[in-house]
């Protein structure tokens, strides 16, 4: 299960995105990127961070540790920006933290970096599975950390959960946006990766991932009124997606078109 910590000091806001995450210190002496429950898409973005992030970890991808983080309303009292103070106040309680990686460098495809084809293929496959639209050359959400690629920021994944209508149709749909994936040019091992990675995900593994999502973030939907029913809905969606596999075929075709 995800560790639970408490934010103790607000250090600085990160203004690159629209959701105003912050760098904070916590009571375990760690430094984290704090993502607020009341920002942007609300708790659904945090659900996507946990579900996609922990699936990525199961697949062997490098993703900073995620923690559940308690926020006290007094955390941002010394921040001069009223928007930040209001965001902290609205997010009092449980939020999400991601291990901060000082000294990391943003992945820049323009520098012609050397990327392992298997690792690139695994990242492309993973993002196609979880429908992550946010790994493009414009916004890579990839960091070099100790000379290794690290994946961050998965809040835009699993966009089906913003509207649960026609979930079955969405589960078996392809993912055309994969053609814009920043690592697609290096993803020459997609067919082999597809055979290997789908073996690592089953109902038990996915249920364990969903068990880490706090109940209050699993907002009720028609036909899924309780947190457990909602968790089952996510698991069913992902299993159906793995079984249908159009996302992998579409990624393979997208790579072939680059040749």
Protein backbone atom coordinates (compact mmCIF):
# COMPACT_ATOMS: atom_id res chain seq x y z
CA UNK A 1 0.00 0.00 0.00
CA UNK A 2 1.05 3.60 -0.52
CA UNK A 3 2.75 5.19 2.47
CA UNK A 4 0.91 8.00 4.24
CA UNK A 5 2.85 11.13 5.21
CA UNK A 6 1.99 14.69 6.24
CA UNK A 7 3.16 17.84 4.51
CA UNK A 8 5.11 19.99 6.96
CA UNK A 9 6.50 22.86 4.87
CA UNK A 10 5.36 24.47 1.62
CA UNK A 11 8.51 25.30 -0.37
CA UNK A 12 7.47 26.59 -3.78
CA UNK A 13 4.65 26.32 -6.32
CA UNK A 14 5.30 24.70 -9.71
CA UNK A 15 3.69 26.97 -12.25
CA UNK A 16 4.49 25.04 -15.43
CA UNK A 17 1.03 23.45 -15.49
CA UNK A 18 -2.44 24.69 -14.74
CA UNK A 19 -3.01 22.65 -11.58
CA UNK A 20 -0.40 24.44 -9.41
CA UNK A 21 1.35 21.48 -7.77
CA UNK A 22 3.94 22.40 -5.17
CA UNK A 23 7.26 21.23 -3.82
CA UNK A 24 6.87 20.44 -0.13
CA UNK A 25 8.68 18.76 2.72
CA UNK A 26 6.97 16.01 4.72
CA UNK A 27 7.26 14.52 8.18
CA UNK A 28 9.39 11.63 6.86
CA UNK A 29 12.10 14.21 5.94
CA UNK A 30 11.37 13.63 2.26
CA UNK A 31 10.74 16.23 -0.42
CA UNK A 32 7.75 15.72 -2.72
CA UNK A 33 5.79 17.20 -5.56
CA UNK A 34 2.37 17.65 -3.95
CA UNK A 35 -0.66 17.32 -6.23
CA UNK A 36 -3.77 18.87 -4.76
CA UNK A 37 -7.14 17.17 -4.67
CA UNK A 38 -8.96 20.44 -5.39
CA UNK A 39 -6.90 21.33 -8.49
CA UNK A 40 -7.64 20.80 -12.16
CA UNK A 41 -9.73 17.68 -12.71
CA UNK A 42 -10.09 17.11 -8.97
CA UNK A 43 -9.69 13.68 -7.42
CA UNK A 44 -9.99 11.90 -10.79
CA UNK A 45 -6.55 13.18 -11.75
CA UNK A 46 -5.14 11.71 -8.53
CA UNK A 47 -6.90 8.41 -9.19
CA UNK A 48 -5.29 8.31 -12.63
CA UNK A 49 -1.89 9.10 -11.10
CA UNK A 50 -2.15 6.15 -8.73
CA UNK A 51 -3.69 3.62 -11.10
CA UNK A 52 -1.46 4.40 -14.08
CA UNK A 53 1.63 4.95 -11.96
CA UNK A 54 1.33 1.69 -10.04
CA UNK A 55 0.55 -0.25 -13.23
CA UNK A 56 3.70 1.25 -14.74
CA UNK A 57 5.64 0.08 -11.70
CA UNK A 58 4.27 -3.45 -12.14
CA UNK A 59 5.55 -3.35 -15.71
CA UNK A 60 9.05 -2.48 -14.54
CA UNK A 61 9.03 1.16 -15.60
CA UNK A 62 10.79 3.75 -13.43
CA UNK A 63 8.22 5.96 -11.71
CA UNK A 64 8.92 8.09 -8.61
CA UNK A 65 7.38 6.77 -5.40
CA UNK A 66 3.81 7.92 -4.83
CA UNK A 67 2.54 8.66 -1.32
CA UNK A 68 -0.74 9.75 0.17
CA UNK A 69 -0.16 13.11 1.83
CA UNK A 70 -2.16 14.87 4.53
CA UNK A 71 -2.43 18.63 4.05
CA UNK A 72 -3.16 20.98 6.93
CA UNK A 73 -5.04 24.20 6.07
CA UNK A 74 -2.16 26.20 7.54
CA UNK A 75 0.36 24.75 5.08
CA UNK A 76 0.26 27.65 2.62
CA UNK A 77 -0.36 30.49 5.06
CA UNK A 78 2.92 32.24 4.16
CA UNK A 79 2.43 31.96 0.40
CA UNK A 80 1.66 35.45 -0.98
CA UNK A 81 -0.40 34.13 -3.90
CA UNK A 82 -4.08 34.06 -2.93
CA UNK A 83 -4.81 31.38 -5.53
CA UNK A 84 -2.30 29.08 -3.86
CA UNK A 85 -3.70 29.76 -0.39
CA UNK A 86 -7.23 29.00 -1.60
CA UNK A 87 -6.05 25.79 -3.27
CA UNK A 88 -4.35 24.57 -0.10
CA UNK A 89 -7.43 25.37 1.98
CA UNK A 90 -9.75 23.58 -0.47
CA UNK A 91 -7.46 20.53 -0.44
CA UNK A 92 -7.32 20.09 3.33
CA UNK A 93 -7.04 16.38 4.09
CA UNK A 94 -5.65 13.63 1.88
CA UNK A 95 -3.78 14.45 -1.34
CA UNK A 96 -1.08 12.82 -3.47
CA UNK A 97 2.67 13.28 -3.32
CA UNK A 98 5.33 12.19 -5.79
CA UNK A 99 8.97 11.83 -4.80
CA UNK A 100 10.85 14.96 -5.91
CA UNK A 101 13.93 14.24 -8.03
CA UNK A 102 16.39 17.13 -7.55
CA UNK A 103 18.82 17.56 -10.40
CA UNK A 104 16.69 15.67 -12.90
CA UNK A 105 16.65 16.89 -16.51
CA UNK A 106 13.68 16.94 -18.86
CA UNK A 107 13.92 14.48 -21.76
CA UNK A 108 14.54 16.40 -24.99
CA UNK A 109 14.06 14.39 -28.21
CA UNK A 110 15.77 17.16 -30.16
CA UNK A 111 19.14 16.23 -28.65
CA UNK A 112 18.99 12.78 -30.32
CA UNK A 113 19.34 10.93 -26.99
CA UNK A 114 20.25 7.26 -26.81
CA UNK A 115 17.15 5.37 -25.66
CA UNK A 116 16.90 1.63 -25.12
CA UNK A 117 14.41 0.22 -27.68
CA UNK A 118 12.83 -2.17 -25.18
CA UNK A 119 12.35 0.59 -22.61
CA UNK A 120 10.89 2.92 -25.22
CA UNK A 121 8.55 0.18 -26.45
CA UNK A 122 7.43 -0.62 -22.92
CA UNK A 123 6.64 3.05 -22.28
CA UNK A 124 4.69 3.36 -25.53
CA UNK A 125 2.77 0.13 -24.79
CA UNK A 126 1.97 1.28 -21.25
CA UNK A 127 0.77 4.71 -22.33
CA UNK A 128 -1.43 3.16 -25.02
CA UNK A 129 -2.96 0.81 -22.44
CA UNK A 130 -3.80 3.58 -19.98
CA UNK A 131 -4.66 6.10 -22.74
CA UNK A 132 -2.09 8.63 -21.60
CA UNK A 133 -2.29 11.60 -23.98
CA UNK A 134 0.45 13.52 -22.19
CA UNK A 135 3.78 12.11 -23.40
CA UNK A 136 4.44 14.12 -26.54
CA UNK A 137 7.43 16.13 -27.76
CA UNK A 138 5.66 19.26 -26.54
CA UNK A 139 5.24 17.87 -23.03
CA UNK A 140 7.29 14.71 -22.56
CA UNK A 141 6.69 14.03 -18.85
CA UNK A 142 9.97 12.14 -18.94
CA UNK A 143 13.02 12.93 -16.83
CA UNK A 144 16.63 11.85 -16.96
CA UNK A 145 17.46 10.86 -13.39
CA UNK A 146 20.88 9.34 -12.72
CA UNK A 147 21.15 8.79 -16.50
CA UNK A 148 17.95 6.72 -16.57
CA UNK A 149 14.53 7.61 -17.92
CA UNK A 150 11.83 8.20 -15.31
CA UNK A 151 8.13 8.60 -16.10
CA UNK A 152 6.10 11.28 -14.31
CA UNK A 153 2.65 12.89 -14.34
CA UNK A 154 -0.10 10.44 -15.32
CA UNK A 155 -3.10 12.51 -14.28
CA UNK A 156 -4.34 12.77 -17.87
CA UNK A 157 -4.51 8.98 -18.24
CA UNK A 158 -7.65 6.83 -18.13
CA UNK A 159 -9.76 9.65 -19.53
CA UNK A 160 -12.71 7.26 -19.88
CA UNK A 161 -13.38 7.82 -16.16
CA UNK A 162 -14.59 11.36 -16.79
CA UNK A 163 -17.65 9.83 -18.46
CA UNK A 164 -18.52 6.23 -17.70
CA UNK A 165 -21.07 5.93 -20.49
CA UNK A 166 -20.17 3.36 -23.17
CA UNK A 167 -17.30 2.01 -21.05
CA UNK A 168 -17.27 -1.28 -22.97
CA UNK A 169 -16.88 0.57 -26.26
CA UNK A 170 -14.08 2.69 -24.85
CA UNK A 171 -12.30 -0.35 -23.45
CA UNK A 172 -11.97 -1.99 -26.85
CA UNK A 173 -11.17 1.23 -28.72
CA UNK A 174 -7.77 1.98 -30.18
CA UNK A 175 -5.65 4.93 -29.16
CA UNK A 176 -4.86 7.12 -32.20
CA UNK A 177 -2.93 9.62 -30.06
CA UNK A 178 -0.12 7.07 -29.72
CA UNK A 179 1.24 8.28 -33.06
CA UNK A 180 2.37 11.46 -31.26
CA UNK A 181 4.22 9.62 -28.47
CA UNK A 182 7.67 11.10 -27.96
CA UNK A 183 9.34 7.68 -27.66
CA UNK A 184 7.63 6.05 -30.66
CA UNK A 185 10.69 6.49 -32.94
CA UNK A 186 12.70 4.25 -30.58
CA UNK A 187 9.91 1.68 -29.99
CA UNK A 188 11.14 -1.08 -32.30
CA UNK A 189 10.33 -3.91 -29.85
CA UNK A 190 6.60 -3.36 -29.50
CA UNK A 191 5.55 -6.84 -30.63
CA UNK A 192 7.88 -8.57 -28.16
CA UNK A 193 6.99 -6.13 -25.40
CA UNK A 194 3.28 -6.79 -25.96
CA UNK A 195 3.79 -10.53 -25.39
CA UNK A 196 5.84 -9.96 -22.25
CA UNK A 197 4.02 -7.15 -20.48
CA UNK A 198 0.47 -8.41 -20.77
CA UNK A 199 1.59 -11.45 -18.74
CA UNK A 200 2.39 -9.18 -15.82
CA UNK A 201 -1.14 -7.83 -15.46
CA UNK A 202 -4.08 -9.90 -14.27
CA UNK A 203 -7.18 -9.34 -12.17
CA UNK A 204 -5.34 -9.82 -8.87
CA UNK A 205 -2.58 -7.34 -9.73
CA UNK A 206 -5.04 -4.74 -10.97
CA UNK A 207 -7.28 -5.16 -7.93
CA UNK A 208 -4.23 -4.60 -5.70
CA UNK A 209 -3.49 -1.37 -7.57
CA UNK A 210 -7.07 -0.11 -7.18
CA UNK A 211 -7.05 -1.01 -3.49
CA UNK A 212 -4.53 1.80 -2.98
CA UNK A 213 -6.96 4.50 -4.12
CA UNK A 214 -8.70 6.21 -1.16
CA UNK A 215 -12.46 5.61 -0.99
CA UNK A 216 -13.44 9.33 -1.09
CA UNK A 217 -11.73 9.76 -4.46
CA UNK A 218 -13.84 7.02 -6.05
CA UNK A 219 -16.88 9.14 -6.77
CA UNK A 220 -20.15 7.24 -7.36
CA UNK A 221 -21.36 6.59 -10.90
CA UNK A 222 -24.55 5.10 -12.23
CA UNK A 223 -24.19 1.37 -11.64
CA UNK A 224 -21.14 1.88 -9.40
CA UNK A 225 -22.41 3.57 -6.27
CA UNK A 226 -19.80 2.29 -3.80
CA UNK A 227 -16.00 2.51 -3.84
CA UNK A 228 -15.70 -1.25 -4.24
CA UNK A 229 -18.05 -1.24 -7.23
CA UNK A 230 -16.02 1.60 -8.71
CA UNK A 231 -12.78 -0.33 -8.20
CA UNK A 232 -14.33 -3.33 -9.93
CA UNK A 233 -15.29 -1.07 -12.82
CA UNK A 234 -11.70 0.06 -13.33
CA UNK A 235 -10.42 -3.51 -13.17
CA UNK A 236 -13.04 -4.71 -15.65
CA UNK A 237 -12.18 -1.85 -18.04
CA UNK A 238 -8.46 -2.62 -17.93
CA UNK A 239 -8.92 -6.39 -18.29
CA UNK A 240 -11.20 -5.86 -21.28
CA UNK A 241 -8.64 -3.53 -22.80
CA UNK A 242 -5.88 -6.08 -22.33
CA UNK A 243 -8.04 -8.82 -23.81
CA UNK A 244 -9.07 -6.82 -26.88
CA UNK A 245 -5.54 -5.43 -27.47
CA UNK A 246 -6.30 -2.88 -30.23
CA UNK A 247 -4.11 -0.40 -28.39
CA UNK A 248 -1.01 -2.58 -28.98
CA UNK A 249 -1.84 -3.19 -32.63
CA UNK A 250 -2.34 0.51 -33.17
CA UNK A 251 1.02 1.32 -31.59
CA UNK A 252 2.74 -1.24 -33.83
CA UNK A 253 1.12 0.26 -36.92
CA UNK A 254 2.08 3.77 -35.83
CA UNK A 255 5.71 2.73 -35.47
CA UNK A 256 5.70 1.01 -38.87
CA UNK A 257 4.54 4.24 -40.51
CA UNK A 258 7.66 6.01 -39.23
CA UNK A 259 9.98 3.80 -41.26
